[in-house]
Amino acid sequence: MSTFYEEITLENPIDVALAKHGVIKESEFRRMTVNALVERPPCTLVSRRPAGRNRGLARRLPH
């Protein structure tokens, strides 16, 4: 098993849906970029709670 870091961007899924319907602009998304630890084989994404809660991010990301 190997590990490495990858920069990923987390976005609020409700903001994405609102933008699809023209309610908000993409520039208004609540999002954050983090340096995530990745293990091989990848299983689950874990983030610190305050980071996700402060931006209204989904608690669990789809695989």
N, C-alpha and C. Protein backbone atom coordinates (compact mmCIF):
# COMPACT_ATOMS: atom_id res chain seq x y z
N MET A 1 0.85 -1.17 0.00
CA MET A 1 0.00 0.00 0.00
C MET A 1 0.90 1.24 0.00
N SER A 2 0.53 2.24 -0.79
CA SER A 2 1.30 3.48 -0.83
C SER A 2 0.40 4.65 -0.51
N THR A 3 0.99 5.76 -0.10
CA THR A 3 0.23 6.97 0.20
C THR A 3 0.88 8.16 -0.48
N PHE A 4 0.07 9.15 -0.79
CA PHE A 4 0.55 10.40 -1.35
C PHE A 4 -0.51 11.46 -1.11
N TYR A 5 -0.18 12.72 -1.34
CA TYR A 5 -1.12 13.83 -1.17
C TYR A 5 -1.57 14.33 -2.54
N GLU A 6 -2.84 14.72 -2.61
CA GLU A 6 -3.41 15.26 -3.85
C GLU A 6 -4.27 16.47 -3.47
N GLU A 7 -4.16 17.54 -4.23
CA GLU A 7 -4.98 18.72 -3.99
C GLU A 7 -6.35 18.49 -4.61
N ILE A 8 -7.42 18.61 -3.80
CA ILE A 8 -8.78 18.41 -4.30
C ILE A 8 -9.64 19.60 -3.91
N THR A 9 -10.71 19.83 -4.65
CA THR A 9 -11.65 20.90 -4.35
C THR A 9 -12.98 20.28 -3.95
N LEU A 10 -13.50 20.70 -2.79
CA LEU A 10 -14.81 20.26 -2.30
C LEU A 10 -15.80 21.37 -2.56
N GLU A 11 -16.97 21.02 -3.12
CA GLU A 11 -18.00 22.00 -3.41
C GLU A 11 -19.31 21.60 -2.74
N ASN A 12 -20.10 22.59 -2.37
CA ASN A 12 -21.40 22.34 -1.78
C ASN A 12 -22.33 21.83 -2.88
N PRO A 13 -22.90 20.63 -2.74
CA PRO A 13 -23.74 20.05 -3.80
C PRO A 13 -25.03 20.84 -4.04
N ILE A 14 -25.54 21.51 -3.03
CA ILE A 14 -26.75 22.32 -3.22
C ILE A 14 -26.42 23.53 -4.08
N ASP A 15 -25.26 24.14 -3.84
CA ASP A 15 -24.84 25.27 -4.68
C ASP A 15 -24.69 24.85 -6.13
N VAL A 16 -24.17 23.66 -6.37
CA VAL A 16 -24.01 23.16 -7.73
C VAL A 16 -25.39 23.04 -8.40
N ALA A 17 -26.37 22.49 -7.67
CA ALA A 17 -27.72 22.35 -8.22
C ALA A 17 -28.35 23.71 -8.49
N LEU A 18 -28.17 24.66 -7.58
CA LEU A 18 -28.74 26.00 -7.77
C LEU A 18 -28.13 26.68 -9.00
N ALA A 19 -26.85 26.47 -9.22
CA ALA A 19 -26.19 27.05 -10.39
C ALA A 19 -26.71 26.43 -11.68
N LYS A 20 -27.00 25.12 -11.66
CA LYS A 20 -27.55 24.47 -12.85
C LYS A 20 -28.88 25.09 -13.26
N HIS A 21 -29.63 25.58 -12.27
CA HIS A 21 -30.94 26.19 -12.54
C HIS A 21 -30.86 27.71 -12.65
N GLY A 22 -29.65 28.25 -12.65
CA GLY A 22 -29.48 29.68 -12.85
C GLY A 22 -29.79 30.54 -11.65
N VAL A 23 -29.93 29.95 -10.47
CA VAL A 23 -30.26 30.72 -9.26
C VAL A 23 -29.04 31.47 -8.73
N ILE A 24 -27.86 30.83 -8.80
CA ILE A 24 -26.62 31.48 -8.39
C ILE A 24 -25.58 31.28 -9.48
N LYS A 25 -24.50 32.07 -9.41
CA LYS A 25 -23.40 31.92 -10.35
C LYS A 25 -22.38 30.95 -9.79
N GLU A 26 -21.60 30.34 -10.66
CA GLU A 26 -20.58 29.41 -10.21
C GLU A 26 -19.60 30.08 -9.26
N SER A 27 -19.36 31.36 -9.44
CA SER A 27 -18.43 32.08 -8.56
C SER A 27 -18.96 32.20 -7.13
N GLU A 28 -20.24 31.90 -6.92
CA GLU A 28 -20.85 31.99 -5.60
C GLU A 28 -20.87 30.65 -4.85
N PHE A 29 -20.36 29.58 -5.48
CA PHE A 29 -20.30 28.27 -4.81
C PHE A 29 -19.53 28.39 -3.51
N ARG A 30 -19.96 27.67 -2.49
CA ARG A 30 -19.14 27.50 -1.30
C ARG A 30 -18.22 26.33 -1.61
N ARG A 31 -16.94 26.61 -1.59
CA ARG A 31 -15.96 25.57 -1.95
C ARG A 31 -14.67 25.81 -1.18
N MET A 32 -13.90 24.76 -1.10
CA MET A 32 -12.59 24.87 -0.49
C MET A 32 -11.65 23.88 -1.15
N THR A 33 -10.40 24.23 -1.22
CA THR A 33 -9.38 23.34 -1.77
C THR A 33 -8.52 22.86 -0.61
N VAL A 34 -8.31 21.55 -0.57
CA VAL A 34 -7.54 20.95 0.52
C VAL A 34 -6.48 20.03 -0.05
N ASN A 35 -5.48 19.78 0.73
CA ASN A 35 -4.43 18.83 0.38
C ASN A 35 -4.80 17.52 1.07
N ALA A 36 -5.31 16.55 0.32
CA ALA A 36 -5.84 15.31 0.89
C ALA A 36 -4.82 14.19 0.84
N LEU A 37 -4.79 13.39 1.90
CA LEU A 37 -3.94 12.21 1.94
C LEU A 37 -4.67 11.08 1.22
N VAL A 38 -4.03 10.49 0.23
CA VAL A 38 -4.63 9.42 -0.57
C VAL A 38 -3.87 8.13 -0.29
N GLU A 39 -4.62 7.06 -0.05
CA GLU A 39 -4.01 5.75 0.14
C GLU A 39 -4.37 4.87 -1.05
N ARG A 40 -3.51 3.96 -1.37
CA ARG A 40 -3.81 2.98 -2.42
C ARG A 40 -4.11 1.65 -1.77
N PRO A 41 -5.19 0.98 -2.04
CA PRO A 41 -6.30 1.40 -2.89
C PRO A 41 -7.18 2.43 -2.17
N PRO A 42 -7.74 3.40 -2.91
CA PRO A 42 -8.58 4.42 -2.28
C PRO A 42 -9.88 3.82 -1.77
N CYS A 43 -10.30 4.26 -0.60
CA CYS A 43 -11.53 3.73 0.00
C CYS A 43 -12.49 4.84 0.37
N THR A 44 -12.08 5.75 1.24
CA THR A 44 -12.97 6.75 1.81
C THR A 44 -12.25 8.08 1.91
N LEU A 45 -13.00 9.17 1.71
CA LEU A 45 -12.47 10.50 1.92
C LEU A 45 -12.90 10.96 3.31
N VAL A 46 -11.94 11.39 4.10
CA VAL A 46 -12.22 11.86 5.45
C VAL A 46 -11.73 13.29 5.55
N SER A 47 -12.60 14.19 6.01
CA SER A 47 -12.17 15.57 6.20
C SER A 47 -12.47 15.99 7.63
N ARG A 48 -11.81 17.03 8.07
CA ARG A 48 -12.07 17.55 9.41
C ARG A 48 -13.46 18.17 9.41
N ARG A 49 -14.24 17.92 10.43
CA ARG A 49 -15.62 18.40 10.50
C ARG A 49 -15.76 19.90 10.34
N PRO A 50 -14.98 20.73 11.05
CA PRO A 50 -15.18 22.18 10.89
C PRO A 50 -15.03 22.66 9.46
N ALA A 51 -14.11 22.06 8.72
CA ALA A 51 -13.90 22.48 7.34
C ALA A 51 -15.15 22.26 6.51
N GLY A 52 -15.76 21.11 6.61
CA GLY A 52 -16.95 20.81 5.84
C GLY A 52 -18.18 21.54 6.33
N ARG A 53 -18.39 21.60 7.61
CA ARG A 53 -19.59 22.26 8.16
C ARG A 53 -19.62 23.74 7.84
N ASN A 54 -18.48 24.40 7.90
CA ASN A 54 -18.44 25.84 7.66
C ASN A 54 -18.82 26.20 6.24
N ARG A 55 -18.75 25.27 5.33
CA ARG A 55 -19.06 25.55 3.94
C ARG A 55 -20.30 24.82 3.47
N GLY A 56 -21.03 24.19 4.36
CA GLY A 56 -22.25 23.50 3.99
C GLY A 56 -22.00 22.31 3.08
N LEU A 57 -20.85 21.68 3.21
CA LEU A 57 -20.51 20.57 2.33
C LEU A 57 -21.22 19.30 2.77
N ALA A 58 -21.44 18.43 1.84
CA ALA A 58 -22.08 17.16 2.14
C ALA A 58 -21.22 16.37 3.13
N ARG A 59 -21.87 15.63 4.00
CA ARG A 59 -21.12 14.85 5.00
C ARG A 59 -20.40 13.69 4.34
N ARG A 60 -20.98 13.10 3.32
CA ARG A 60 -20.35 11.96 2.66
C ARG A 60 -20.36 12.18 1.15
N LEU A 61 -19.25 11.97 0.53
CA LEU A 61 -19.15 12.16 -0.91
C LEU A 61 -19.42 10.84 -1.62
N PRO A 62 -20.10 10.85 -2.76
CA PRO A 62 -20.34 9.62 -3.50
C PRO A 62 -19.03 9.06 -4.03
N HIS A 63 -18.95 7.73 -4.15
CA HIS A 63 -17.74 7.08 -4.66
C HIS A 63 -17.70 7.16 -6.16
